PDBML (XML) file of the C-alpha atoms, coordinates in Angstrom:
<?xml version="1.0" encoding="UTF-8" ?>
<PDBx:datablock datablockName="MODEL"
   xmlns:PDBx="http://pdbml.pdb.org/schema/pdbx-v50.xsd"
   xmlns:xsi="http://www.w3.org/2001/XMLSchema-instance"
   xsi:schemaLocation="http://pdbml.pdb.org/schema/pdbx-v50.xsd pdbx-v50.xsd">
   <PDBx:atom_siteCategory>
      <PDBx:atom_site id="1">
         <PDBx:B_iso_or_equiv>0.00</PDBx:B_iso_or_equiv>
         <PDBx:Cartn_x>105.716</PDBx:Cartn_x>
         <PDBx:Cartn_y>123.003</PDBx:Cartn_y>
         <PDBx:Cartn_z>91.899</PDBx:Cartn_z>
         <PDBx:auth_asym_id>A</PDBx:auth_asym_id>
         <PDBx:auth_atom_id>CA</PDBx:auth_atom_id>
         <PDBx:auth_comp_id>ALA</PDBx:auth_comp_id>
         <PDBx:auth_seq_id>1</PDBx:auth_seq_id>
         <PDBx:group_PDB>ATOM</PDBx:group_PDB>
         <PDBx:label_alt_id xsi:nil="true" />
         <PDBx:label_asym_id>A</PDBx:label_asym_id>
         <PDBx:label_atom_id>CA</PDBx:label_atom_id>
         <PDBx:label_comp_id>ALA</PDBx:label_comp_id>
         <PDBx:label_entity_id>1</PDBx:label_entity_id>
         <PDBx:label_seq_id>1</PDBx:label_seq_id>
         <PDBx:occupancy>1.00</PDBx:occupancy>
         <PDBx:pdbx_PDB_model_num>1</PDBx:pdbx_PDB_model_num>
         <PDBx:type_symbol>C</PDBx:type_symbol>
      </PDBx:atom_site>
      <PDBx:atom_site id="2">
         <PDBx:B_iso_or_equiv>0.00</PDBx:B_iso_or_equiv>
         <PDBx:Cartn_x>102.668</PDBx:Cartn_x>
         <PDBx:Cartn_y>125.268</PDBx:Cartn_y>
         <PDBx:Cartn_z>91.629</PDBx:Cartn_z>
         <PDBx:auth_asym_id>A</PDBx:auth_asym_id>
         <PDBx:auth_atom_id>CA</PDBx:auth_atom_id>
         <PDBx:auth_comp_id>LEU</PDBx:auth_comp_id>
         <PDBx:auth_seq_id>2</PDBx:auth_seq_id>
         <PDBx:group_PDB>ATOM</PDBx:group_PDB>
         <PDBx:label_alt_id xsi:nil="true" />
         <PDBx:label_asym_id>A</PDBx:label_asym_id>
         <PDBx:label_atom_id>CA</PDBx:label_atom_id>
         <PDBx:label_comp_id>LEU</PDBx:label_comp_id>
         <PDBx:label_entity_id>1</PDBx:label_entity_id>
         <PDBx:label_seq_id>2</PDBx:label_seq_id>
         <PDBx:occupancy>1.00</PDBx:occupancy>
         <PDBx:pdbx_PDB_model_num>1</PDBx:pdbx_PDB_model_num>
         <PDBx:type_symbol>C</PDBx:type_symbol>
      </PDBx:atom_site>
      <PDBx:atom_site id="3">
         <PDBx:B_iso_or_equiv>0.00</PDBx:B_iso_or_equiv>
         <PDBx:Cartn_x>104.099</PDBx:Cartn_x>
         <PDBx:Cartn_y>127.571</PDBx:Cartn_y>
         <PDBx:Cartn_z>94.294</PDBx:Cartn_z>
         <PDBx:auth_asym_id>A</PDBx:auth_asym_id>
         <PDBx:auth_atom_id>CA</PDBx:auth_atom_id>
         <PDBx:auth_comp_id>CYS</PDBx:auth_comp_id>
         <PDBx:auth_seq_id>3</PDBx:auth_seq_id>
         <PDBx:group_PDB>ATOM</PDBx:group_PDB>
         <PDBx:label_alt_id xsi:nil="true" />
         <PDBx:label_asym_id>A</PDBx:label_asym_id>
         <PDBx:label_atom_id>CA</PDBx:label_atom_id>
         <PDBx:label_comp_id>CYS</PDBx:label_comp_id>
         <PDBx:label_entity_id>1</PDBx:label_entity_id>
         <PDBx:label_seq_id>3</PDBx:label_seq_id>
         <PDBx:occupancy>1.00</PDBx:occupancy>
         <PDBx:pdbx_PDB_model_num>1</PDBx:pdbx_PDB_model_num>
         <PDBx:type_symbol>C</PDBx:type_symbol>
      </PDBx:atom_site>
      <PDBx:atom_site id="4">
         <PDBx:B_iso_or_equiv>0.00</PDBx:B_iso_or_equiv>
         <PDBx:Cartn_x>107.345</PDBx:Cartn_x>
         <PDBx:Cartn_y>127.955</PDBx:Cartn_y>
         <PDBx:Cartn_z>92.361</PDBx:Cartn_z>
         <PDBx:auth_asym_id>A</PDBx:auth_asym_id>
         <PDBx:auth_atom_id>CA</PDBx:auth_atom_id>
         <PDBx:auth_comp_id>GLU</PDBx:auth_comp_id>
         <PDBx:auth_seq_id>4</PDBx:auth_seq_id>
         <PDBx:group_PDB>ATOM</PDBx:group_PDB>
         <PDBx:label_alt_id xsi:nil="true" />
         <PDBx:label_asym_id>A</PDBx:label_asym_id>
         <PDBx:label_atom_id>CA</PDBx:label_atom_id>
         <PDBx:label_comp_id>GLU</PDBx:label_comp_id>
         <PDBx:label_entity_id>1</PDBx:label_entity_id>
         <PDBx:label_seq_id>4</PDBx:label_seq_id>
         <PDBx:occupancy>1.00</PDBx:occupancy>
         <PDBx:pdbx_PDB_model_num>1</PDBx:pdbx_PDB_model_num>
         <PDBx:type_symbol>C</PDBx:type_symbol>
      </PDBx:atom_site>
      <PDBx:atom_site id="5">
         <PDBx:B_iso_or_equiv>0.00</PDBx:B_iso_or_equiv>
         <PDBx:Cartn_x>105.468</PDBx:Cartn_x>
         <PDBx:Cartn_y>128.661</PDBx:Cartn_y>
         <PDBx:Cartn_z>89.135</PDBx:Cartn_z>
         <PDBx:auth_asym_id>A</PDBx:auth_asym_id>
         <PDBx:auth_atom_id>CA</PDBx:auth_atom_id>
         <PDBx:auth_comp_id>LEU</PDBx:auth_comp_id>
         <PDBx:auth_seq_id>5</PDBx:auth_seq_id>
         <PDBx:group_PDB>ATOM</PDBx:group_PDB>
         <PDBx:label_alt_id xsi:nil="true" />
         <PDBx:label_asym_id>A</PDBx:label_asym_id>
         <PDBx:label_atom_id>CA</PDBx:label_atom_id>
         <PDBx:label_comp_id>LEU</PDBx:label_comp_id>
         <PDBx:label_entity_id>1</PDBx:label_entity_id>
         <PDBx:label_seq_id>5</PDBx:label_seq_id>
         <PDBx:occupancy>1.00</PDBx:occupancy>
         <PDBx:pdbx_PDB_model_num>1</PDBx:pdbx_PDB_model_num>
         <PDBx:type_symbol>C</PDBx:type_symbol>
      </PDBx:atom_site>
      <PDBx:atom_site id="6">
         <PDBx:B_iso_or_equiv>0.00</PDBx:B_iso_or_equiv>
         <PDBx:Cartn_x>103.147</PDBx:Cartn_x>
         <PDBx:Cartn_y>131.225</PDBx:Cartn_y>
         <PDBx:Cartn_z>90.730</PDBx:Cartn_z>
         <PDBx:auth_asym_id>A</PDBx:auth_asym_id>
         <PDBx:auth_atom_id>CA</PDBx:auth_atom_id>
         <PDBx:auth_comp_id>LEU</PDBx:auth_comp_id>
         <PDBx:auth_seq_id>6</PDBx:auth_seq_id>
         <PDBx:group_PDB>ATOM</PDBx:group_PDB>
         <PDBx:label_alt_id xsi:nil="true" />
         <PDBx:label_asym_id>A</PDBx:label_asym_id>
         <PDBx:label_atom_id>CA</PDBx:label_atom_id>
         <PDBx:label_comp_id>LEU</PDBx:label_comp_id>
         <PDBx:label_entity_id>1</PDBx:label_entity_id>
         <PDBx:label_seq_id>6</PDBx:label_seq_id>
         <PDBx:occupancy>1.00</PDBx:occupancy>
         <PDBx:pdbx_PDB_model_num>1</PDBx:pdbx_PDB_model_num>
         <PDBx:type_symbol>C</PDBx:type_symbol>
      </PDBx:atom_site>
      <PDBx:atom_site id="7">
         <PDBx:B_iso_or_equiv>0.00</PDBx:B_iso_or_equiv>
         <PDBx:Cartn_x>105.985</PDBx:Cartn_x>
         <PDBx:Cartn_y>132.919</PDBx:Cartn_y>
         <PDBx:Cartn_z>92.585</PDBx:Cartn_z>
         <PDBx:auth_asym_id>A</PDBx:auth_asym_id>
         <PDBx:auth_atom_id>CA</PDBx:auth_atom_id>
         <PDBx:auth_comp_id>SER</PDBx:auth_comp_id>
         <PDBx:auth_seq_id>7</PDBx:auth_seq_id>
         <PDBx:group_PDB>ATOM</PDBx:group_PDB>
         <PDBx:label_alt_id xsi:nil="true" />
         <PDBx:label_asym_id>A</PDBx:label_asym_id>
         <PDBx:label_atom_id>CA</PDBx:label_atom_id>
         <PDBx:label_comp_id>SER</PDBx:label_comp_id>
         <PDBx:label_entity_id>1</PDBx:label_entity_id>
         <PDBx:label_seq_id>7</PDBx:label_seq_id>
         <PDBx:occupancy>1.00</PDBx:occupancy>
         <PDBx:pdbx_PDB_model_num>1</PDBx:pdbx_PDB_model_num>
         <PDBx:type_symbol>C</PDBx:type_symbol>
      </PDBx:atom_site>
      <PDBx:atom_site id="8">
         <PDBx:B_iso_or_equiv>0.00</PDBx:B_iso_or_equiv>
         <PDBx:Cartn_x>107.875</PDBx:Cartn_x>
         <PDBx:Cartn_y>133.432</PDBx:Cartn_y>
         <PDBx:Cartn_z>89.320</PDBx:Cartn_z>
         <PDBx:auth_asym_id>A</PDBx:auth_asym_id>
         <PDBx:auth_atom_id>CA</PDBx:auth_atom_id>
         <PDBx:auth_comp_id>GLU</PDBx:auth_comp_id>
         <PDBx:auth_seq_id>8</PDBx:auth_seq_id>
         <PDBx:group_PDB>ATOM</PDBx:group_PDB>
         <PDBx:label_alt_id xsi:nil="true" />
         <PDBx:label_asym_id>A</PDBx:label_asym_id>
         <PDBx:label_atom_id>CA</PDBx:label_atom_id>
         <PDBx:label_comp_id>GLU</PDBx:label_comp_id>
         <PDBx:label_entity_id>1</PDBx:label_entity_id>
         <PDBx:label_seq_id>8</PDBx:label_seq_id>
         <PDBx:occupancy>1.00</PDBx:occupancy>
         <PDBx:pdbx_PDB_model_num>1</PDBx:pdbx_PDB_model_num>
         <PDBx:type_symbol>C</PDBx:type_symbol>
      </PDBx:atom_site>
      <PDBx:atom_site id="9">
         <PDBx:B_iso_or_equiv>0.00</PDBx:B_iso_or_equiv>
         <PDBx:Cartn_x>104.807</PDBx:Cartn_x>
         <PDBx:Cartn_y>134.624</PDBx:Cartn_y>
         <PDBx:Cartn_z>87.451</PDBx:Cartn_z>
         <PDBx:auth_asym_id>A</PDBx:auth_asym_id>
         <PDBx:auth_atom_id>CA</PDBx:auth_atom_id>
         <PDBx:auth_comp_id>TYR</PDBx:auth_comp_id>
         <PDBx:auth_seq_id>9</PDBx:auth_seq_id>
         <PDBx:group_PDB>ATOM</PDBx:group_PDB>
         <PDBx:label_alt_id xsi:nil="true" />
         <PDBx:label_asym_id>A</PDBx:label_asym_id>
         <PDBx:label_atom_id>CA</PDBx:label_atom_id>
         <PDBx:label_comp_id>TYR</PDBx:label_comp_id>
         <PDBx:label_entity_id>1</PDBx:label_entity_id>
         <PDBx:label_seq_id>9</PDBx:label_seq_id>
         <PDBx:occupancy>1.00</PDBx:occupancy>
         <PDBx:pdbx_PDB_model_num>1</PDBx:pdbx_PDB_model_num>
         <PDBx:type_symbol>C</PDBx:type_symbol>
      </PDBx:atom_site>
      <PDBx:atom_site id="10">
         <PDBx:B_iso_or_equiv>0.00</PDBx:B_iso_or_equiv>
         <PDBx:Cartn_x>103.642</PDBx:Cartn_x>
         <PDBx:Cartn_y>137.024</PDBx:Cartn_y>
         <PDBx:Cartn_z>90.162</PDBx:Cartn_z>
         <PDBx:auth_asym_id>A</PDBx:auth_asym_id>
         <PDBx:auth_atom_id>CA</PDBx:auth_atom_id>
         <PDBx:auth_comp_id>LEU</PDBx:auth_comp_id>
         <PDBx:auth_seq_id>10</PDBx:auth_seq_id>
         <PDBx:group_PDB>ATOM</PDBx:group_PDB>
         <PDBx:label_alt_id xsi:nil="true" />
         <PDBx:label_asym_id>A</PDBx:label_asym_id>
         <PDBx:label_atom_id>CA</PDBx:label_atom_id>
         <PDBx:label_comp_id>LEU</PDBx:label_comp_id>
         <PDBx:label_entity_id>1</PDBx:label_entity_id>
         <PDBx:label_seq_id>10</PDBx:label_seq_id>
         <PDBx:occupancy>1.00</PDBx:occupancy>
         <PDBx:pdbx_PDB_model_num>1</PDBx:pdbx_PDB_model_num>
         <PDBx:type_symbol>C</PDBx:type_symbol>
      </PDBx:atom_site>
      <PDBx:atom_site id="11">
         <PDBx:B_iso_or_equiv>0.00</PDBx:B_iso_or_equiv>
         <PDBx:Cartn_x>107.156</PDBx:Cartn_x>
         <PDBx:Cartn_y>138.435</PDBx:Cartn_y>
         <PDBx:Cartn_z>90.491</PDBx:Cartn_z>
         <PDBx:auth_asym_id>A</PDBx:auth_asym_id>
         <PDBx:auth_atom_id>CA</PDBx:auth_atom_id>
         <PDBx:auth_comp_id>ALA</PDBx:auth_comp_id>
         <PDBx:auth_seq_id>11</PDBx:auth_seq_id>
         <PDBx:group_PDB>ATOM</PDBx:group_PDB>
         <PDBx:label_alt_id xsi:nil="true" />
         <PDBx:label_asym_id>A</PDBx:label_asym_id>
         <PDBx:label_atom_id>CA</PDBx:label_atom_id>
         <PDBx:label_comp_id>ALA</PDBx:label_comp_id>
         <PDBx:label_entity_id>1</PDBx:label_entity_id>
         <PDBx:label_seq_id>11</PDBx:label_seq_id>
         <PDBx:occupancy>1.00</PDBx:occupancy>
         <PDBx:pdbx_PDB_model_num>1</PDBx:pdbx_PDB_model_num>
         <PDBx:type_symbol>C</PDBx:type_symbol>
      </PDBx:atom_site>
      <PDBx:atom_site id="12">
         <PDBx:B_iso_or_equiv>0.00</PDBx:B_iso_or_equiv>
         <PDBx:Cartn_x>106.864</PDBx:Cartn_x>
         <PDBx:Cartn_y>139.541</PDBx:Cartn_y>
         <PDBx:Cartn_z>86.872</PDBx:Cartn_z>
         <PDBx:auth_asym_id>A</PDBx:auth_asym_id>
         <PDBx:auth_atom_id>CA</PDBx:auth_atom_id>
         <PDBx:auth_comp_id>LEU</PDBx:auth_comp_id>
         <PDBx:auth_seq_id>12</PDBx:auth_seq_id>
         <PDBx:group_PDB>ATOM</PDBx:group_PDB>
         <PDBx:label_alt_id xsi:nil="true" />
         <PDBx:label_asym_id>A</PDBx:label_asym_id>
         <PDBx:label_atom_id>CA</PDBx:label_atom_id>
         <PDBx:label_comp_id>LEU</PDBx:label_comp_id>
         <PDBx:label_entity_id>1</PDBx:label_entity_id>
         <PDBx:label_seq_id>12</PDBx:label_seq_id>
         <PDBx:occupancy>1.00</PDBx:occupancy>
         <PDBx:pdbx_PDB_model_num>1</PDBx:pdbx_PDB_model_num>
         <PDBx:type_symbol>C</PDBx:type_symbol>
      </PDBx:atom_site>
      <PDBx:atom_site id="13">
         <PDBx:B_iso_or_equiv>0.00</PDBx:B_iso_or_equiv>
         <PDBx:Cartn_x>103.669</PDBx:Cartn_x>
         <PDBx:Cartn_y>141.361</PDBx:Cartn_y>
         <PDBx:Cartn_z>87.869</PDBx:Cartn_z>
         <PDBx:auth_asym_id>A</PDBx:auth_asym_id>
         <PDBx:auth_atom_id>CA</PDBx:auth_atom_id>
         <PDBx:auth_comp_id>GLU</PDBx:auth_comp_id>
         <PDBx:auth_seq_id>13</PDBx:auth_seq_id>
         <PDBx:group_PDB>ATOM</PDBx:group_PDB>
         <PDBx:label_alt_id xsi:nil="true" />
         <PDBx:label_asym_id>A</PDBx:label_asym_id>
         <PDBx:label_atom_id>CA</PDBx:label_atom_id>
         <PDBx:label_comp_id>GLU</PDBx:label_comp_id>
         <PDBx:label_entity_id>1</PDBx:label_entity_id>
         <PDBx:label_seq_id>13</PDBx:label_seq_id>
         <PDBx:occupancy>1.00</PDBx:occupancy>
         <PDBx:pdbx_PDB_model_num>1</PDBx:pdbx_PDB_model_num>
         <PDBx:type_symbol>C</PDBx:type_symbol>
      </PDBx:atom_site>
      <PDBx:atom_site id="14">
         <PDBx:B_iso_or_equiv>0.00</PDBx:B_iso_or_equiv>
         <PDBx:Cartn_x>105.465</PDBx:Cartn_x>
         <PDBx:Cartn_y>143.225</PDBx:Cartn_y>
         <PDBx:Cartn_z>90.645</PDBx:Cartn_z>
         <PDBx:auth_asym_id>A</PDBx:auth_asym_id>
         <PDBx:auth_atom_id>CA</PDBx:auth_atom_id>
         <PDBx:auth_comp_id>GLY</PDBx:auth_comp_id>
         <PDBx:auth_seq_id>14</PDBx:auth_seq_id>
         <PDBx:group_PDB>ATOM</PDBx:group_PDB>
         <PDBx:label_alt_id xsi:nil="true" />
         <PDBx:label_asym_id>A</PDBx:label_asym_id>
         <PDBx:label_atom_id>CA</PDBx:label_atom_id>
         <PDBx:label_comp_id>GLY</PDBx:label_comp_id>
         <PDBx:label_entity_id>1</PDBx:label_entity_id>
         <PDBx:label_seq_id>14</PDBx:label_seq_id>
         <PDBx:occupancy>1.00</PDBx:occupancy>
         <PDBx:pdbx_PDB_model_num>1</PDBx:pdbx_PDB_model_num>
         <PDBx:type_symbol>C</PDBx:type_symbol>
      </PDBx:atom_site>
      <PDBx:atom_site id="15">
         <PDBx:B_iso_or_equiv>0.00</PDBx:B_iso_or_equiv>
         <PDBx:Cartn_x>104.578</PDBx:Cartn_x>
         <PDBx:Cartn_y>141.046</PDBx:Cartn_y>
         <PDBx:Cartn_z>93.642</PDBx:Cartn_z>
         <PDBx:auth_asym_id>A</PDBx:auth_asym_id>
         <PDBx:auth_atom_id>CA</PDBx:auth_atom_id>
         <PDBx:auth_comp_id>TYR</PDBx:auth_comp_id>
         <PDBx:auth_seq_id>15</PDBx:auth_seq_id>
         <PDBx:group_PDB>ATOM</PDBx:group_PDB>
         <PDBx:label_alt_id xsi:nil="true" />
         <PDBx:label_asym_id>A</PDBx:label_asym_id>
         <PDBx:label_atom_id>CA</PDBx:label_atom_id>
         <PDBx:label_comp_id>TYR</PDBx:label_comp_id>
         <PDBx:label_entity_id>1</PDBx:label_entity_id>
         <PDBx:label_seq_id>15</PDBx:label_seq_id>
         <PDBx:occupancy>1.00</PDBx:occupancy>
         <PDBx:pdbx_PDB_model_num>1</PDBx:pdbx_PDB_model_num>
         <PDBx:type_symbol>C</PDBx:type_symbol>
      </PDBx:atom_site>
      <PDBx:atom_site id="16">
         <PDBx:B_iso_or_equiv>0.00</PDBx:B_iso_or_equiv>
         <PDBx:Cartn_x>106.926</PDBx:Cartn_x>
         <PDBx:Cartn_y>139.465</PDBx:Cartn_y>
         <PDBx:Cartn_z>96.144</PDBx:Cartn_z>
         <PDBx:auth_asym_id>A</PDBx:auth_asym_id>
         <PDBx:auth_atom_id>CA</PDBx:auth_atom_id>
         <PDBx:auth_comp_id>ALA</PDBx:auth_comp_id>
         <PDBx:auth_seq_id>16</PDBx:auth_seq_id>
         <PDBx:group_PDB>ATOM</PDBx:group_PDB>
         <PDBx:label_alt_id xsi:nil="true" />
         <PDBx:label_asym_id>A</PDBx:label_asym_id>
         <PDBx:label_atom_id>CA</PDBx:label_atom_id>
         <PDBx:label_comp_id>ALA</PDBx:label_comp_id>
         <PDBx:label_entity_id>1</PDBx:label_entity_id>
         <PDBx:label_seq_id>16</PDBx:label_seq_id>
         <PDBx:occupancy>1.00</PDBx:occupancy>
         <PDBx:pdbx_PDB_model_num>1</PDBx:pdbx_PDB_model_num>
         <PDBx:type_symbol>C</PDBx:type_symbol>
      </PDBx:atom_site>
      <PDBx:atom_site id="17">
         <PDBx:B_iso_or_equiv>0.00</PDBx:B_iso_or_equiv>
         <PDBx:Cartn_x>105.605</PDBx:Cartn_x>
         <PDBx:Cartn_y>136.013</PDBx:Cartn_y>
         <PDBx:Cartn_z>97.056</PDBx:Cartn_z>
         <PDBx:auth_asym_id>A</PDBx:auth_asym_id>
         <PDBx:auth_atom_id>CA</PDBx:auth_atom_id>
         <PDBx:auth_comp_id>VAL</PDBx:auth_comp_id>
         <PDBx:auth_seq_id>17</PDBx:auth_seq_id>
         <PDBx:group_PDB>ATOM</PDBx:group_PDB>
         <PDBx:label_alt_id xsi:nil="true" />
         <PDBx:label_asym_id>A</PDBx:label_asym_id>
         <PDBx:label_atom_id>CA</PDBx:label_atom_id>
         <PDBx:label_comp_id>VAL</PDBx:label_comp_id>
         <PDBx:label_entity_id>1</PDBx:label_entity_id>
         <PDBx:label_seq_id>17</PDBx:label_seq_id>
         <PDBx:occupancy>1.00</PDBx:occupancy>
         <PDBx:pdbx_PDB_model_num>1</PDBx:pdbx_PDB_model_num>
         <PDBx:type_symbol>C</PDBx:type_symbol>
      </PDBx:atom_site>
      <PDBx:atom_site id="18">
         <PDBx:B_iso_or_equiv>0.00</PDBx:B_iso_or_equiv>
         <PDBx:Cartn_x>106.528</PDBx:Cartn_x>
         <PDBx:Cartn_y>133.861</PDBx:Cartn_y>
         <PDBx:Cartn_z>100.036</PDBx:Cartn_z>
         <PDBx:auth_asym_id>A</PDBx:auth_asym_id>
         <PDBx:auth_atom_id>CA</PDBx:auth_atom_id>
         <PDBx:auth_comp_id>GLU</PDBx:auth_comp_id>
         <PDBx:auth_seq_id>18</PDBx:auth_seq_id>
         <PDBx:group_PDB>ATOM</PDBx:group_PDB>
         <PDBx:label_alt_id xsi:nil="true" />
         <PDBx:label_asym_id>A</PDBx:label_asym_id>
         <PDBx:label_atom_id>CA</PDBx:label_atom_id>
         <PDBx:label_comp_id>GLU</PDBx:label_comp_id>
         <PDBx:label_entity_id>1</PDBx:label_entity_id>
         <PDBx:label_seq_id>18</PDBx:label_seq_id>
         <PDBx:occupancy>1.00</PDBx:occupancy>
         <PDBx:pdbx_PDB_model_num>1</PDBx:pdbx_PDB_model_num>
         <PDBx:type_symbol>C</PDBx:type_symbol>
      </PDBx:atom_site>
      <PDBx:atom_site id="19">
         <PDBx:B_iso_or_equiv>0.00</PDBx:B_iso_or_equiv>
         <PDBx:Cartn_x>105.200</PDBx:Cartn_x>
         <PDBx:Cartn_y>130.300</PDBx:Cartn_y>
         <PDBx:Cartn_z>99.951</PDBx:Cartn_z>
         <PDBx:auth_asym_id>A</PDBx:auth_asym_id>
         <PDBx:auth_atom_id>CA</PDBx:auth_atom_id>
         <PDBx:auth_comp_id>ALA</PDBx:auth_comp_id>
         <PDBx:auth_seq_id>19</PDBx:auth_seq_id>
         <PDBx:group_PDB>ATOM</PDBx:group_PDB>
         <PDBx:label_alt_id xsi:nil="true" />
         <PDBx:label_asym_id>A</PDBx:label_asym_id>
         <PDBx:label_atom_id>CA</PDBx:label_atom_id>
         <PDBx:label_comp_id>ALA</PDBx:label_comp_id>
         <PDBx:label_entity_id>1</PDBx:label_entity_id>
         <PDBx:label_seq_id>19</PDBx:label_seq_id>
         <PDBx:occupancy>1.00</PDBx:occupancy>
         <PDBx:pdbx_PDB_model_num>1</PDBx:pdbx_PDB_model_num>
         <PDBx:type_symbol>C</PDBx:type_symbol>
      </PDBx:atom_site>
      <PDBx:atom_site id="20">
         <PDBx:B_iso_or_equiv>0.00</PDBx:B_iso_or_equiv>
         <PDBx:Cartn_x>104.560</PDBx:Cartn_x>
         <PDBx:Cartn_y>127.944</PDBx:Cartn_y>
         <PDBx:Cartn_z>102.865</PDBx:Cartn_z>
         <PDBx:auth_asym_id>A</PDBx:auth_asym_id>
         <PDBx:auth_atom_id>CA</PDBx:auth_atom_id>
         <PDBx:auth_comp_id>VAL</PDBx:auth_comp_id>
         <PDBx:auth_seq_id>20</PDBx:auth_seq_id>
         <PDBx:group_PDB>ATOM</PDBx:group_PDB>
         <PDBx:label_alt_id xsi:nil="true" />
         <PDBx:label_asym_id>A</PDBx:label_asym_id>
         <PDBx:label_atom_id>CA</PDBx:label_atom_id>
         <PDBx:label_comp_id>VAL</PDBx:label_comp_id>
         <PDBx:label_entity_id>1</PDBx:label_entity_id>
         <PDBx:label_seq_id>20</PDBx:label_seq_id>
         <PDBx:occupancy>1.00</PDBx:occupancy>
         <PDBx:pdbx_PDB_model_num>1</PDBx:pdbx_PDB_model_num>
         <PDBx:type_symbol>C</PDBx:type_symbol>
      </PDBx:atom_site>
      <PDBx:atom_site id="21">
         <PDBx:B_iso_or_equiv>0.00</PDBx:B_iso_or_equiv>
         <PDBx:Cartn_x>103.303</PDBx:Cartn_x>
         <PDBx:Cartn_y>124.403</PDBx:Cartn_y>
         <PDBx:Cartn_z>102.477</PDBx:Cartn_z>
         <PDBx:auth_asym_id>A</PDBx:auth_asym_id>
         <PDBx:auth_atom_id>CA</PDBx:auth_atom_id>
         <PDBx:auth_comp_id>HIS</PDBx:auth_comp_id>
         <PDBx:auth_seq_id>21</PDBx:auth_seq_id>
         <PDBx:group_PDB>ATOM</PDBx:group_PDB>
         <PDBx:label_alt_id xsi:nil="true" />
         <PDBx:label_asym_id>A</PDBx:label_asym_id>
         <PDBx:label_atom_id>CA</PDBx:label_atom_id>
         <PDBx:label_comp_id>HIS</PDBx:label_comp_id>
         <PDBx:label_entity_id>1</PDBx:label_entity_id>
         <PDBx:label_seq_id>21</PDBx:label_seq_id>
         <PDBx:occupancy>1.00</PDBx:occupancy>
         <PDBx:pdbx_PDB_model_num>1</PDBx:pdbx_PDB_model_num>
         <PDBx:type_symbol>C</PDBx:type_symbol>
      </PDBx:atom_site>
      <PDBx:atom_site id="22">
         <PDBx:B_iso_or_equiv>0.00</PDBx:B_iso_or_equiv>
         <PDBx:Cartn_x>101.248</PDBx:Cartn_x>
         <PDBx:Cartn_y>123.458</PDBx:Cartn_y>
         <PDBx:Cartn_z>105.519</PDBx:Cartn_z>
         <PDBx:auth_asym_id>A</PDBx:auth_asym_id>
         <PDBx:auth_atom_id>CA</PDBx:auth_atom_id>
         <PDBx:auth_comp_id>ASP</PDBx:auth_comp_id>
         <PDBx:auth_seq_id>22</PDBx:auth_seq_id>
         <PDBx:group_PDB>ATOM</PDBx:group_PDB>
         <PDBx:label_alt_id xsi:nil="true" />
         <PDBx:label_asym_id>A</PDBx:label_asym_id>
         <PDBx:label_atom_id>CA</PDBx:label_atom_id>
         <PDBx:label_comp_id>ASP</PDBx:label_comp_id>
         <PDBx:label_entity_id>1</PDBx:label_entity_id>
         <PDBx:label_seq_id>22</PDBx:label_seq_id>
         <PDBx:occupancy>1.00</PDBx:occupancy>
         <PDBx:pdbx_PDB_model_num>1</PDBx:pdbx_PDB_model_num>
         <PDBx:type_symbol>C</PDBx:type_symbol>
      </PDBx:atom_site>
      <PDBx:atom_site id="23">
         <PDBx:B_iso_or_equiv>0.00</PDBx:B_iso_or_equiv>
         <PDBx:Cartn_x>98.405</PDBx:Cartn_x>
         <PDBx:Cartn_y>124.995</PDBx:Cartn_y>
         <PDBx:Cartn_z>107.467</PDBx:Cartn_z>
         <PDBx:auth_asym_id>A</PDBx:auth_asym_id>
         <PDBx:auth_atom_id>CA</PDBx:auth_atom_id>
         <PDBx:auth_comp_id>GLY</PDBx:auth_comp_id>
         <PDBx:auth_seq_id>23</PDBx:auth_seq_id>
         <PDBx:group_PDB>ATOM</PDBx:group_PDB>
         <PDBx:label_alt_id xsi:nil="true" />
         <PDBx:label_asym_id>A</PDBx:label_asym_id>
         <PDBx:label_atom_id>CA</PDBx:label_atom_id>
         <PDBx:label_comp_id>GLY</PDBx:label_comp_id>
         <PDBx:label_entity_id>1</PDBx:label_entity_id>
         <PDBx:label_seq_id>23</PDBx:label_seq_id>
         <PDBx:occupancy>1.00</PDBx:occupancy>
         <PDBx:pdbx_PDB_model_num>1</PDBx:pdbx_PDB_model_num>
         <PDBx:type_symbol>C</PDBx:type_symbol>
      </PDBx:atom_site>
      <PDBx:atom_site id="24">
         <PDBx:B_iso_or_equiv>0.00</PDBx:B_iso_or_equiv>
         <PDBx:Cartn_x>100.192</PDBx:Cartn_x>
         <PDBx:Cartn_y>125.661</PDBx:Cartn_y>
         <PDBx:Cartn_z>110.741</PDBx:Cartn_z>
         <PDBx:auth_asym_id>A</PDBx:auth_asym_id>
         <PDBx:auth_atom_id>CA</PDBx:auth_atom_id>
         <PDBx:auth_comp_id>GLU</PDBx:auth_comp_id>
         <PDBx:auth_seq_id>24</PDBx:auth_seq_id>
         <PDBx:group_PDB>ATOM</PDBx:group_PDB>
         <PDBx:label_alt_id xsi:nil="true" />
         <PDBx:label_asym_id>A</PDBx:label_asym_id>
         <PDBx:label_atom_id>CA</PDBx:label_atom_id>
         <PDBx:label_comp_id>GLU</PDBx:label_comp_id>
         <PDBx:label_entity_id>1</PDBx:label_entity_id>
         <PDBx:label_seq_id>24</PDBx:label_seq_id>
         <PDBx:occupancy>1.00</PDBx:occupancy>
         <PDBx:pdbx_PDB_model_num>1</PDBx:pdbx_PDB_model_num>
         <PDBx:type_symbol>C</PDBx:type_symbol>
      </PDBx:atom_site>
      <PDBx:atom_site id="25">
         <PDBx:B_iso_or_equiv>0.00</PDBx:B_iso_or_equiv>
         <PDBx:Cartn_x>103.083</PDBx:Cartn_x>
         <PDBx:Cartn_y>127.489</PDBx:Cartn_y>
         <PDBx:Cartn_z>109.071</PDBx:Cartn_z>
         <PDBx:auth_asym_id>A</PDBx:auth_asym_id>
         <PDBx:auth_atom_id>CA</PDBx:auth_atom_id>
         <PDBx:auth_comp_id>ALA</PDBx:auth_comp_id>
         <PDBx:auth_seq_id>25</PDBx:auth_seq_id>
         <PDBx:group_PDB>ATOM</PDBx:group_PDB>
         <PDBx:label_alt_id xsi:nil="true" />
         <PDBx:label_asym_id>A</PDBx:label_asym_id>
         <PDBx:label_atom_id>CA</PDBx:label_atom_id>
         <PDBx:label_comp_id>ALA</PDBx:label_comp_id>
         <PDBx:label_entity_id>1</PDBx:label_entity_id>
         <PDBx:label_seq_id>25</PDBx:label_seq_id>
         <PDBx:occupancy>1.00</PDBx:occupancy>
         <PDBx:pdbx_PDB_model_num>1</PDBx:pdbx_PDB_model_num>
         <PDBx:type_symbol>C</PDBx:type_symbol>
      </PDBx:atom_site>
   </PDBx:atom_siteCategory>
</PDBx:datablock>
């Protein structure tokens, strides 16, 4: 949920965000 929120917010700031959810990935 935090990843989705940050991805949307940072996109508005001009960043493209890719999220992964475990250490190995």
